[in-house]
């Protein structure tokens, strides 16, 4: 191959590579609109099957349509008692900092007709909004603080149920920005739950734990 031929081929490859990104982006843009619509329908109905788990992540790039689908999906867990099912959905939802989801989470946490398990997970999402570096496991939220004595009665042991682990530091997903007063709204919700004698103990305990970290 001559040097001239090599230059021709090299130039052609450079031109092709410069065109490739725009071609791919154009194809991806069309595909994303269809993907967002399909994923939104799956997540909005709640309880995605194992083969549908892709939809939880697909919505991260779908803006307000994605967060609204998550908000709609969260309402379907109102009667859920399976903490594994709740954990799968809520771990994905907790990656959002979004006004649509905030409103539904506040309503679910305060819903006397919802299961204690669903309400606790809603409370956990609220804690992630005010303190994203703190992550509560379900068991630590619902246990509350206990005080026990040993068999001899000489030693008193206090066990806190409000222990946290370090949460994710990756950038959150946003469809609709949180309102300016979101921290105040969350604080008032948790204070009301923590003092509500009619609320299940799990819900009161979770609200007390979360409220401790809101400044």
Protein backbone atom coordinates (compact mmCIF):
# COMPACT_ATOMS: atom_id res chain seq x y z
CA UNK A 1 0.00 0.00 0.00
CA UNK A 2 1.38 3.43 -0.97
CA UNK A 3 1.57 6.33 1.46
CA UNK A 4 -1.03 8.13 -0.66
CA UNK A 5 -3.47 5.22 -0.39
CA UNK A 6 -2.87 5.00 3.34
CA UNK A 7 -3.70 8.70 3.72
CA UNK A 8 -6.93 8.24 1.73
CA UNK A 9 -8.03 5.36 3.97
CA UNK A 10 -7.05 7.23 7.13
CA UNK A 11 -9.04 10.28 6.03
CA UNK A 12 -12.08 8.15 5.27
CA UNK A 13 -11.92 6.54 8.70
CA UNK A 14 -11.70 9.92 10.41
CA UNK A 15 -14.74 11.21 8.52
CA UNK A 16 -16.71 8.05 9.36
CA UNK A 17 -15.78 8.25 13.03
CA UNK A 18 -16.84 11.90 13.18
CA UNK A 19 -20.26 11.00 11.79
CA UNK A 20 -20.80 7.96 14.02
CA UNK A 21 -21.66 9.75 17.29
CA UNK A 22 -24.46 11.79 15.70
CA UNK A 23 -25.82 8.72 13.95
CA UNK A 24 -25.82 6.70 17.17
CA UNK A 25 -27.36 9.54 19.17
CA UNK A 26 -30.11 9.90 16.62
CA UNK A 27 -30.94 6.22 16.82
CA UNK A 28 -30.69 6.21 20.63
CA UNK A 29 -32.99 9.24 20.94
CA UNK A 30 -35.75 7.49 19.02
CA UNK A 31 -35.21 4.28 20.94
CA UNK A 32 -35.21 6.06 24.30
CA UNK A 33 -38.66 7.61 23.72
CA UNK A 34 -40.11 4.18 23.03
CA UNK A 35 -38.17 2.63 25.91
CA UNK A 36 -39.32 5.31 28.34
CA UNK A 37 -42.94 4.75 27.39
CA UNK A 38 -42.68 0.99 27.78
CA UNK A 39 -40.73 1.17 31.04
CA UNK A 40 -43.17 3.73 32.47
CA UNK A 41 -46.12 1.43 31.92
CA UNK A 42 -44.32 -1.41 33.70
CA UNK A 43 -43.18 0.61 36.70
CA UNK A 44 -46.40 2.59 37.07
CA UNK A 45 -48.41 -0.58 37.67
CA UNK A 46 -45.98 -1.63 40.41
CA UNK A 47 -44.61 -5.04 41.32
CA UNK A 48 -42.53 -5.56 38.16
CA UNK A 49 -41.78 -9.19 37.43
CA UNK A 50 -38.18 -10.41 37.36
CA UNK A 51 -38.09 -10.20 33.58
CA UNK A 52 -39.28 -6.58 33.85
CA UNK A 53 -36.61 -5.39 36.29
CA UNK A 54 -34.84 -3.57 33.45
CA UNK A 55 -37.60 -0.98 33.52
CA UNK A 56 -36.57 0.33 36.95
CA UNK A 57 -33.20 1.44 35.61
CA UNK A 58 -34.46 2.45 32.17
CA UNK A 59 -36.59 5.23 33.67
CA UNK A 60 -33.58 6.98 35.17
CA UNK A 61 -33.05 8.82 31.88
CA UNK A 62 -36.72 9.65 31.31
CA UNK A 63 -37.09 12.82 33.39
CA UNK A 64 -40.51 13.71 34.76
CA UNK A 65 -42.13 10.79 32.95
CA UNK A 66 -39.81 8.47 34.83
CA UNK A 67 -40.41 9.96 38.25
CA UNK A 68 -44.17 10.04 37.70
CA UNK A 69 -44.12 6.34 36.80
CA UNK A 70 -42.22 5.63 40.03
CA UNK A 71 -44.70 7.74 42.01
CA UNK A 72 -47.63 5.87 40.49
CA UNK A 73 -45.92 2.56 41.13
CA UNK A 74 -45.33 3.41 44.78
CA UNK A 75 -49.08 3.71 45.39
CA UNK A 76 -49.50 0.06 44.34
CA UNK A 77 -47.45 -1.03 47.37
CA UNK A 78 -49.99 0.38 49.84
CA UNK A 79 -51.11 -3.14 50.84
CA UNK A 80 -47.72 -4.84 50.52
CA UNK A 81 -46.36 -6.76 53.52
CA UNK A 82 -43.44 -8.48 51.77
CA UNK A 83 -40.38 -6.48 52.79
CA UNK A 84 -38.28 -8.11 50.07
CA UNK A 85 -40.64 -6.85 47.35
CA UNK A 86 -40.71 -3.43 48.96
CA UNK A 87 -36.93 -3.34 49.27
CA UNK A 88 -36.37 -4.15 45.59
CA UNK A 89 -38.68 -1.37 44.43
CA UNK A 90 -37.66 1.18 47.03
CA UNK A 91 -33.92 0.77 46.50
CA UNK A 92 -34.51 1.89 42.92
CA UNK A 93 -36.94 4.63 43.96
CA UNK A 94 -34.57 5.95 46.62
CA UNK A 95 -32.17 7.00 43.86
CA UNK A 96 -34.57 9.80 42.95
CA UNK A 97 -34.87 13.27 44.51
CA UNK A 98 -38.14 14.28 42.98
CA UNK A 99 -41.26 16.26 43.87
CA UNK A 100 -43.69 13.74 42.34
CA UNK A 101 -42.25 10.93 44.45
CA UNK A 102 -42.00 13.12 47.55
CA UNK A 103 -45.74 13.81 47.51
CA UNK A 104 -46.66 10.14 47.21
CA UNK A 105 -44.14 9.10 49.88
CA UNK A 106 -45.53 11.65 52.36
CA UNK A 107 -49.08 10.45 51.66
CA UNK A 108 -48.12 6.78 52.02
CA UNK A 109 -46.17 7.32 55.24
CA UNK A 110 -49.23 9.05 56.72
CA UNK A 111 -51.81 6.59 55.35
CA UNK A 112 -53.47 4.83 58.30
CA UNK A 113 -54.93 2.25 55.92
CA UNK A 114 -51.60 1.22 54.43
CA UNK A 115 -49.53 -1.63 55.83
CA UNK A 116 -46.89 -0.76 58.44
CA UNK A 117 -44.23 -2.20 56.13
CA UNK A 118 -45.17 0.08 53.24
CA UNK A 119 -45.35 3.10 55.53
CA UNK A 120 -41.91 2.41 56.99
CA UNK A 121 -40.36 2.21 53.54
CA UNK A 122 -42.03 5.51 52.66
CA UNK A 123 -40.50 7.01 55.79
CA UNK A 124 -37.12 5.65 54.75
CA UNK A 125 -37.38 7.42 51.41
CA UNK A 126 -38.07 10.69 53.19
CA UNK A 127 -34.94 10.20 55.29
CA UNK A 128 -32.87 9.69 52.13
CA UNK A 129 -34.09 13.02 50.78
CA UNK A 130 -32.83 14.97 53.79
CA UNK A 131 -29.75 12.84 54.48
CA UNK A 132 -28.69 10.88 51.38
CA UNK A 133 -25.49 9.68 53.07
CA UNK A 134 -27.45 7.85 55.77
CA UNK A 135 -29.10 4.56 54.88
CA UNK A 136 -31.42 2.66 57.21
CA UNK A 137 -32.13 -1.03 56.98
CA UNK A 138 -35.74 -1.95 57.63
CA UNK A 139 -34.95 -3.89 60.80
CA UNK A 140 -33.06 -0.98 62.34
CA UNK A 141 -35.90 1.42 61.62
CA UNK A 142 -38.70 -0.61 63.16
CA UNK A 143 -36.90 -1.96 66.23
CA UNK A 144 -36.66 1.26 68.17
CA UNK A 145 -34.48 1.71 71.20
CA UNK A 146 -34.66 -1.09 73.79
CA UNK A 147 -33.40 -1.18 77.37
CA UNK A 148 -32.76 -4.55 78.99
CA UNK A 149 -31.04 -5.89 82.08
CA UNK A 150 -28.98 -9.04 82.42
CA UNK A 151 -30.01 -12.05 84.51
CA UNK A 152 -28.39 -10.64 87.65
CA UNK A 153 -30.18 -7.34 87.24
CA UNK A 154 -26.90 -5.47 87.69
CA UNK A 155 -26.19 -4.49 84.10
CA UNK A 156 -28.44 -2.34 81.97
CA UNK A 157 -28.01 -2.57 78.22
CA UNK A 158 -29.45 0.00 75.84
CA UNK A 159 -29.66 -0.99 72.17
CA UNK A 160 -30.45 1.69 69.64
CA UNK A 161 -32.54 0.73 66.65
CA UNK A 162 -31.56 3.85 64.76
CA UNK A 163 -28.20 2.71 63.45
CA UNK A 164 -27.38 3.67 59.90
CA UNK A 165 -24.88 2.67 57.26
CA UNK A 166 -23.32 4.90 54.65
CA UNK A 167 -25.59 5.30 51.66
CA UNK A 168 -24.90 6.00 48.01
CA UNK A 169 -23.04 9.14 46.97
CA UNK A 170 -23.84 8.93 43.26
CA UNK A 171 -25.82 11.79 41.71
CA UNK A 172 -29.58 11.38 42.13
CA UNK A 173 -32.15 11.30 39.35
CA UNK A 174 -34.56 14.22 39.09
CA UNK A 175 -37.75 14.59 37.08
CA UNK A 176 -39.35 17.50 38.94
CA UNK A 177 -37.19 19.45 41.38
CA UNK A 178 -38.01 19.23 45.07
CA UNK A 179 -39.91 22.24 46.45
CA UNK A 180 -37.95 24.78 48.46
CA UNK A 181 -39.69 23.75 51.68
CA UNK A 182 -39.22 19.98 51.27
CA UNK A 183 -37.16 19.63 54.46
CA UNK A 184 -39.80 21.42 56.52
CA UNK A 185 -42.53 19.27 55.01
CA UNK A 186 -40.64 16.08 55.78
CA UNK A 187 -39.85 17.16 59.32
CA UNK A 188 -43.49 17.98 60.11
CA UNK A 189 -44.61 14.65 58.65
CA UNK A 190 -42.15 12.65 60.72
CA UNK A 191 -42.86 14.58 63.91
CA UNK A 192 -46.57 13.90 63.49
CA UNK A 193 -45.96 10.18 62.91
CA UNK A 194 -43.58 9.85 65.85
CA UNK A 195 -46.20 11.25 68.23
CA UNK A 196 -49.23 9.48 66.74
CA UNK A 197 -50.42 7.01 69.37
CA UNK A 198 -52.65 5.32 66.81
CA UNK A 199 -49.84 4.60 64.38
CA UNK A 200 -48.23 1.13 64.49
CA UNK A 201 -45.08 0.91 66.61
CA UNK A 202 -43.00 0.19 63.51
CA UNK A 203 -44.08 3.45 61.94
CA UNK A 204 -43.56 5.49 65.12
CA UNK A 205 -40.11 3.99 65.62
CA UNK A 206 -39.06 4.67 62.05
CA UNK A 207 -40.27 8.26 62.25
CA UNK A 208 -38.38 8.82 65.51
CA UNK A 209 -35.17 7.45 64.01
CA UNK A 210 -35.44 9.52 60.88
CA UNK A 211 -36.43 12.69 62.68
CA UNK A 212 -33.30 12.45 64.80
CA UNK A 213 -31.14 13.19 61.75
CA UNK A 214 -33.13 16.07 60.31
CA UNK A 215 -31.58 19.45 61.09
